[in-house]
Protein backbone atom coordinates (compact mmCIF):
# COMPACT_ATOMS: atom_id res chain seq x y z
CA MET A 1 11.26 13.59 -24.11
CA LYS A 2 7.74 14.58 -23.03
CA GLU A 3 6.65 13.40 -19.75
CA SER A 4 3.74 11.25 -19.65
CA LYS A 5 0.58 12.46 -17.97
CA THR A 6 0.00 9.17 -16.32
CA GLY A 7 1.60 6.94 -13.69
CA LEU A 8 2.61 7.39 -10.02
CA LYS A 9 5.74 9.51 -10.68
CA TYR A 10 3.58 12.13 -12.33
CA TYR A 11 1.12 12.17 -9.70
CA ARG A 12 3.68 12.20 -6.91
CA ASN A 13 5.51 15.18 -8.75
CA ILE A 14 2.12 17.17 -8.73
CA ILE A 15 1.58 16.39 -4.96
CA LYS A 16 4.91 17.58 -4.01
CA GLU A 17 4.79 20.81 -6.34
CA LYS A 18 1.32 21.98 -5.86
CA GLY A 19 -0.15 20.09 -2.81
CA ILE A 20 -3.41 17.91 -2.57
CA ARG A 21 -5.55 20.78 -3.80
CA GLY A 22 -3.28 21.38 -6.93
CA PHE A 23 -3.39 17.71 -7.45
CA VAL A 24 -7.06 17.48 -7.44
CA ARG A 25 -7.27 20.71 -9.53
CA GLU A 26 -4.90 19.28 -12.10
CA VAL A 27 -6.25 15.70 -12.48
CA GLY A 28 -9.90 15.98 -11.32
CA TRP A 29 -11.56 14.73 -8.34
CA LYS A 30 -12.34 11.46 -9.92
CA ILE A 31 -8.55 10.31 -10.30
CA ALA A 32 -7.68 11.87 -6.98
CA PHE A 33 -10.53 9.68 -5.24
CA LEU A 34 -9.11 6.66 -7.14
CA VAL A 35 -5.60 7.24 -6.04
CA PHE A 36 -6.87 7.71 -2.58
CA MET A 37 -8.71 4.66 -2.58
CA PHE A 38 -6.01 2.67 -4.09
CA PHE A 39 -3.76 3.43 -1.07
CA PHE A 40 -6.55 3.21 1.52
CA LEU A 41 -7.23 -0.29 0.31
CA LYS A 42 -3.73 -1.16 0.14
CA GLY A 43 -3.35 -0.19 3.68
CA MET A 44 -6.53 -1.95 4.79
CA VAL A 45 -5.08 -5.30 3.04
CA TRP A 46 -1.97 -5.08 5.03
CA LEU A 47 -3.73 -4.46 8.30
CA PHE A 48 -5.90 -7.45 7.50
CA ILE A 49 -2.83 -9.57 6.99
CA PHE A 50 -1.05 -8.60 9.96
CA TYR A 51 -4.17 -8.81 12.12
CA GLY A 52 -5.28 -12.14 10.68
CA GLY A 53 -1.76 -13.38 11.05
CA PHE A 54 -1.48 -12.52 14.61
CA GLU A 55 -4.84 -14.18 15.24
CA LEU A 56 -4.02 -17.45 13.42
CA ILE A 57 -0.75 -17.60 15.27
CA ARG A 58 -2.58 -17.05 18.74
CA GLY A 59 -5.19 -19.68 17.73
CA VAL A 60 -2.60 -22.25 16.81
CA PHE A 61 -0.63 -21.82 20.17
CA SER A 62 -3.57 -21.46 22.58
């Protein structure tokens, strides 16, 4: 079965085998930027949820 050239498993394998530079060379800088932005924004959402939740709890019990 031929491996698909899309999906996170494919991208993860490229990064493991060739590193970040190899990943950018293989898929192009646009896709590499989109993958980076996905994980960056996901992290920001989690930070916002935790910080906002902490502030909400602190405000309720003040």
